[in-house]
Amino acid sequence: MDPFIIKQGDTQPSLAATLSDDNGAIVIPGGATVSFVMRKAADACGCSCEDESAPVRPAVKVSRAAVIVNGAAGQVRYDWAAGDTDEAGDFSGEFKVSVAGAITTYPSSGYIPITITQDLS
């Protein structure tokens, strides 16, 4: 999957995705909610740490509600908020669909690669 690229400090464009499984686009039922979660990408050892003797999972940078654009087609969108893109670097993102307390995460394998490029100012 190609990385989503946005400039540091920007809040547009929104991150749009079509959630899918092995059978194609999913249907997001009425009453469902969707959230977006993003954290700093892990390095090659599977962690993000300066001291490899104490691997630490990166902290969650973003965890907010997303917008269901077209539930029948599995289309969702995350609208960036102030502070979401204030740190340049590589991040991993995912959408979580909650239906009556049951949560399913997309993509189910891997993450959405997100690159926030450094602003010149």
C-alpha atoms as a PDB file:
ATOM      1  CA  MET A   1       0.000   0.000   0.000  1.00  0.00           C
ATOM      2  CA  ASP A   2       1.363   3.427  -0.948  1.00  0.00           C
ATOM      3  CA  PRO A   3       1.872   5.754   1.990  1.00  0.00           C
ATOM      4  CA  PHE A   4      -0.520   8.622   2.614  1.00  0.00           C
ATOM      5  CA  ILE A   5       1.648  11.754   2.574  1.00  0.00           C
ATOM      6  CA  ILE A   6       0.791  15.041   4.257  1.00  0.00           C
ATOM      7  CA  LYS A   7       2.900  18.068   5.188  1.00  0.00           C
ATOM      8  CA  GLN A   8       3.693  18.775   8.831  1.00  0.00           C
ATOM      9  CA  GLY A   9       1.018  21.010  10.391  1.00  0.00           C
ATOM     10  CA  ASP A  10      -1.499  20.511   7.554  1.00  0.00           C
ATOM     11  CA  THR A  11      -5.064  19.333   8.177  1.00  0.00           C
ATOM     12  CA  GLN A  12      -5.967  18.716   4.509  1.00  0.00           C
ATOM     13  CA  PRO A  13      -6.349  16.490   2.591  1.00  0.00           C
ATOM     14  CA  SER A  14      -8.394  14.112   4.698  1.00  0.00           C
ATOM     15  CA  LEU A  15      -7.358  10.456   4.813  1.00  0.00           C
ATOM     16  CA  ALA A  16      -9.953   8.510   2.807  1.00  0.00           C
ATOM     17  CA  ALA A  17     -10.122   4.719   2.717  1.00  0.00           C
ATOM     18  CA  THR A  18     -12.319   1.891   1.543  1.00  0.00           C
ATOM     19  CA  LEU A  19     -12.340  -0.768   4.256  1.00  0.00           C
ATOM     20  CA  SER A  20     -12.120  -4.287   2.875  1.00  0.00           C
ATOM     21  CA  ASP A  21     -11.499  -7.914   3.711  1.00  0.00           C
ATOM     22  CA  ASP A  22     -10.685 -10.953   1.552  1.00  0.00           C
ATOM     23  CA  ASN A  23     -14.101 -10.649  -0.132  1.00  0.00           C
ATOM     24  CA  GLY A  24     -13.725  -6.980  -1.095  1.00  0.00           C
ATOM     25  CA  ALA A  25     -15.231  -3.819   0.378  1.00  0.00           C
ATOM     26  CA  ILE A  26     -17.094  -4.379   3.636  1.00  0.00           C
ATOM     27  CA  VAL A  27     -20.537  -3.055   4.508  1.00  0.00           C
ATOM     28  CA  ILE A  28     -20.553  -0.796   7.551  1.00  0.00           C
ATOM     29  CA  PRO A  29     -23.988  -1.312   9.110  1.00  0.00           C
ATOM     30  CA  GLY A  30     -26.229   1.417  10.460  1.00  0.00           C
ATOM     31  CA  GLY A  31     -25.487   2.202  14.092  1.00  0.00           C
ATOM     32  CA  ALA A  32     -21.776   1.411  13.665  1.00  0.00           C
ATOM     33  CA  THR A  33     -19.077   3.861  14.654  1.00  0.00           C
ATOM     34  CA  VAL A  34     -15.605   4.163  13.154  1.00  0.00           C
ATOM     35  CA  SER A  35     -12.471   5.546  14.752  1.00  0.00           C
ATOM     36  CA  PHE A  36      -8.992   6.234  13.401  1.00  0.00           C
ATOM     37  CA  VAL A  37      -5.843   5.382  15.357  1.00  0.00           C
ATOM     38  CA  MET A  38      -2.285   6.415  14.442  1.00  0.00           C
ATOM     39  CA  ARG A  39       1.068   5.925  16.139  1.00  0.00           C
ATOM     40  CA  LYS A  40       4.729   6.373  15.235  1.00  0.00           C
ATOM     41  CA  ALA A  41       5.858   3.545  12.947  1.00  0.00           C
ATOM     42  CA  ALA A  42       7.905   0.816  14.604  1.00  0.00           C
ATOM     43  CA  ASP A  43      11.502   0.410  13.486  1.00  0.00           C
ATOM     44  CA  ALA A  44      12.993  -2.756  11.968  1.00  0.00           C
ATOM     45  CA  CYS A  45      13.182  -4.576  15.334  1.00  0.00           C
ATOM     46  CA  GLY A  46       9.421  -4.194  15.732  1.00  0.00           C
ATOM     47  CA  CYS A  47       9.699  -1.467  18.322  1.00  0.00           C
ATOM     48  CA  SER A  48      10.461   2.206  18.561  1.00  0.00           C
ATOM     49  CA  CYS A  49      13.159   2.534  21.123  1.00  0.00           C
ATOM     50  CA  GLU A  50      16.530   4.147  21.702  1.00  0.00           C
ATOM     51  CA  ASP A  51      17.644   1.440  24.140  1.00  0.00           C
ATOM     52  CA  GLU A  52      17.096  -1.926  22.432  1.00  0.00           C
ATOM     53  CA  SER A  53      17.308  -3.697  25.789  1.00  0.00           C
ATOM     54  CA  ALA A  54      13.985  -2.094  26.730  1.00  0.00           C
ATOM     55  CA  PRO A  55      11.686  -2.128  23.669  1.00  0.00           C
ATOM     56  CA  VAL A  56       8.718   0.173  24.050  1.00  0.00           C
ATOM     57  CA  ARG A  57       5.636   0.249  21.879  1.00  0.00           C
ATOM     58  CA  PRO A  58       5.164   3.756  20.442  1.00  0.00           C
ATOM     59  CA  ALA A  59       2.457   5.843  22.098  1.00  0.00           C
ATOM     60  CA  VAL A  60      -0.780   6.459  20.233  1.00  0.00           C
ATOM     61  CA  LYS A  61      -0.601   9.875  18.543  1.00  0.00           C
ATOM     62  CA  VAL A  62      -4.217  10.010  17.284  1.00  0.00           C
ATOM     63  CA  SER A  63      -7.359   8.206  18.424  1.00  0.00           C
ATOM     64  CA  ARG A  64     -10.487   9.994  17.239  1.00  0.00           C
ATOM     65  CA  ALA A  65     -13.797   9.441  15.521  1.00  0.00           C
ATOM     66  CA  ALA A  66     -13.788   9.006  11.742  1.00  0.00           C
ATOM     67  CA  VAL A  67     -16.582   9.745   9.284  1.00  0.00           C
ATOM     68  CA  ILE A  68     -18.572   7.019   7.521  1.00  0.00           C
ATOM     69  CA  VAL A  69     -18.830   8.386   3.968  1.00  0.00           C
ATOM     70  CA  ASN A  70     -20.720   5.470   2.382  1.00  0.00           C
ATOM     71  CA  GLY A  71     -21.394   2.521   4.695  1.00  0.00           C
ATOM     72  CA  ALA A  72     -22.690   0.278   1.889  1.00  0.00           C
ATOM     73  CA  ALA A  73     -19.369   0.681   0.061  1.00  0.00           C
ATOM     74  CA  GLY A  74     -17.112   0.580   3.163  1.00  0.00           C
ATOM     75  CA  GLN A  75     -15.917   4.152   2.587  1.00  0.00           C
ATOM     76  CA  VAL A  76     -14.592   6.150   5.533  1.00  0.00           C
ATOM     77  CA  ARG A  77     -12.619   9.343   6.081  1.00  0.00           C
ATOM     78  CA  TYR A  78     -10.494  10.835   8.823  1.00  0.00           C
ATOM     79  CA  ASP A  79     -10.406  14.638   9.013  1.00  0.00           C
ATOM     80  CA  TRP A  80      -7.127  15.735  10.585  1.00  0.00           C
ATOM     81  CA  ALA A  81      -7.392  17.873  13.728  1.00  0.00           C
ATOM     82  CA  ALA A  82      -4.932  20.520  14.925  1.00  0.00           C
ATOM     83  CA  GLY A  83      -1.908  18.769  16.435  1.00  0.00           C
ATOM     84  CA  ASP A  84      -2.386  15.472  14.570  1.00  0.00           C
ATOM     85  CA  THR A  85       0.353  16.267  12.050  1.00  0.00           C
ATOM     86  CA  ASP A  86       2.657  18.441  14.182  1.00  0.00           C
ATOM     87  CA  GLU A  87       5.440  15.812  14.210  1.00  0.00           C
ATOM     88  CA  ALA A  88       7.259  14.841  10.999  1.00  0.00           C
ATOM     89  CA  GLY A  89       8.036  11.161  10.428  1.00  0.00           C
ATOM     90  CA  ASP A  90       6.585   7.805   9.492  1.00  0.00           C
ATOM     91  CA  PHE A  91       3.423   6.611  11.188  1.00  0.00           C
ATOM     92  CA  SER A  92       1.083   3.614  11.103  1.00  0.00           C
ATOM     93  CA  GLY A  93      -2.679   4.020  11.013  1.00  0.00           C
ATOM     94  CA  GLU A  94      -5.798   1.876  11.161  1.00  0.00           C
ATOM     95  CA  PHE A  95      -9.565   2.219  11.296  1.00  0.00           C
ATOM     96  CA  LYS A  96     -11.646   0.483  13.975  1.00  0.00           C
ATOM     97  CA  VAL A  97     -15.291  -0.332  13.258  1.00  0.00           C
ATOM     98  CA  SER A  98     -17.474  -0.843  16.318  1.00  0.00           C
ATOM     99  CA  VAL A  99     -20.865  -2.546  16.026  1.00  0.00           C
ATOM    100  CA  ALA A 100     -22.792  -3.231  19.242  1.00  0.00           C
ATOM    101  CA  GLY A 101     -19.537  -3.412  21.199  1.00  0.00           C
ATOM    102  CA  ALA A 102     -17.742  -5.742  18.747  1.00  0.00           C
ATOM    103  CA  ILE A 103     -14.647  -4.142  17.193  1.00  0.00           C
ATOM    104  CA  THR A 104     -13.018  -5.044  13.870  1.00  0.00           C
ATOM    105  CA  THR A 105      -9.773  -3.364  12.778  1.00  0.00           C
ATOM    106  CA  TYR A 106      -8.871  -2.489   9.168  1.00  0.00           C
ATOM    107  CA  PRO A 107      -6.583  -3.300   7.607  1.00  0.00           C
ATOM    108  CA  SER A 108      -6.636  -6.657   9.362  1.00  0.00           C
ATOM    109  CA  SER A 109      -3.027  -7.280   8.354  1.00  0.00           C
ATOM    110  CA  GLY A 110      -0.433  -4.532   8.579  1.00  0.00           C
ATOM    111  CA  TYR A 111      -1.199  -0.834   8.791  1.00  0.00           C
ATOM    112  CA  ILE A 112      -1.898   2.211   6.663  1.00  0.00           C
ATOM    113  CA  PRO A 113       1.529   3.792   6.088  1.00  0.00           C
ATOM    114  CA  ILE A 114       1.448   7.550   6.729  1.00  0.00           C
ATOM    115  CA  THR A 115       4.319   9.945   6.097  1.00  0.00           C
ATOM    116  CA  ILE A 116       4.273  13.429   7.544  1.00  0.00           C
ATOM    117  CA  THR A 117       6.926  15.446   5.708  1.00  0.00           C
ATOM    118  CA  GLN A 118       8.765  18.249   7.463  1.00  0.00           C
ATOM    119  CA  ASP A 119       7.519  21.788   6.948  1.00  0.00           C
ATOM    120  CA  LEU A 120      10.105  24.432   6.052  1.00  0.00           C
ATOM    121  CA  SER A 121       8.858  26.985   8.557  1.00  0.00           C
END
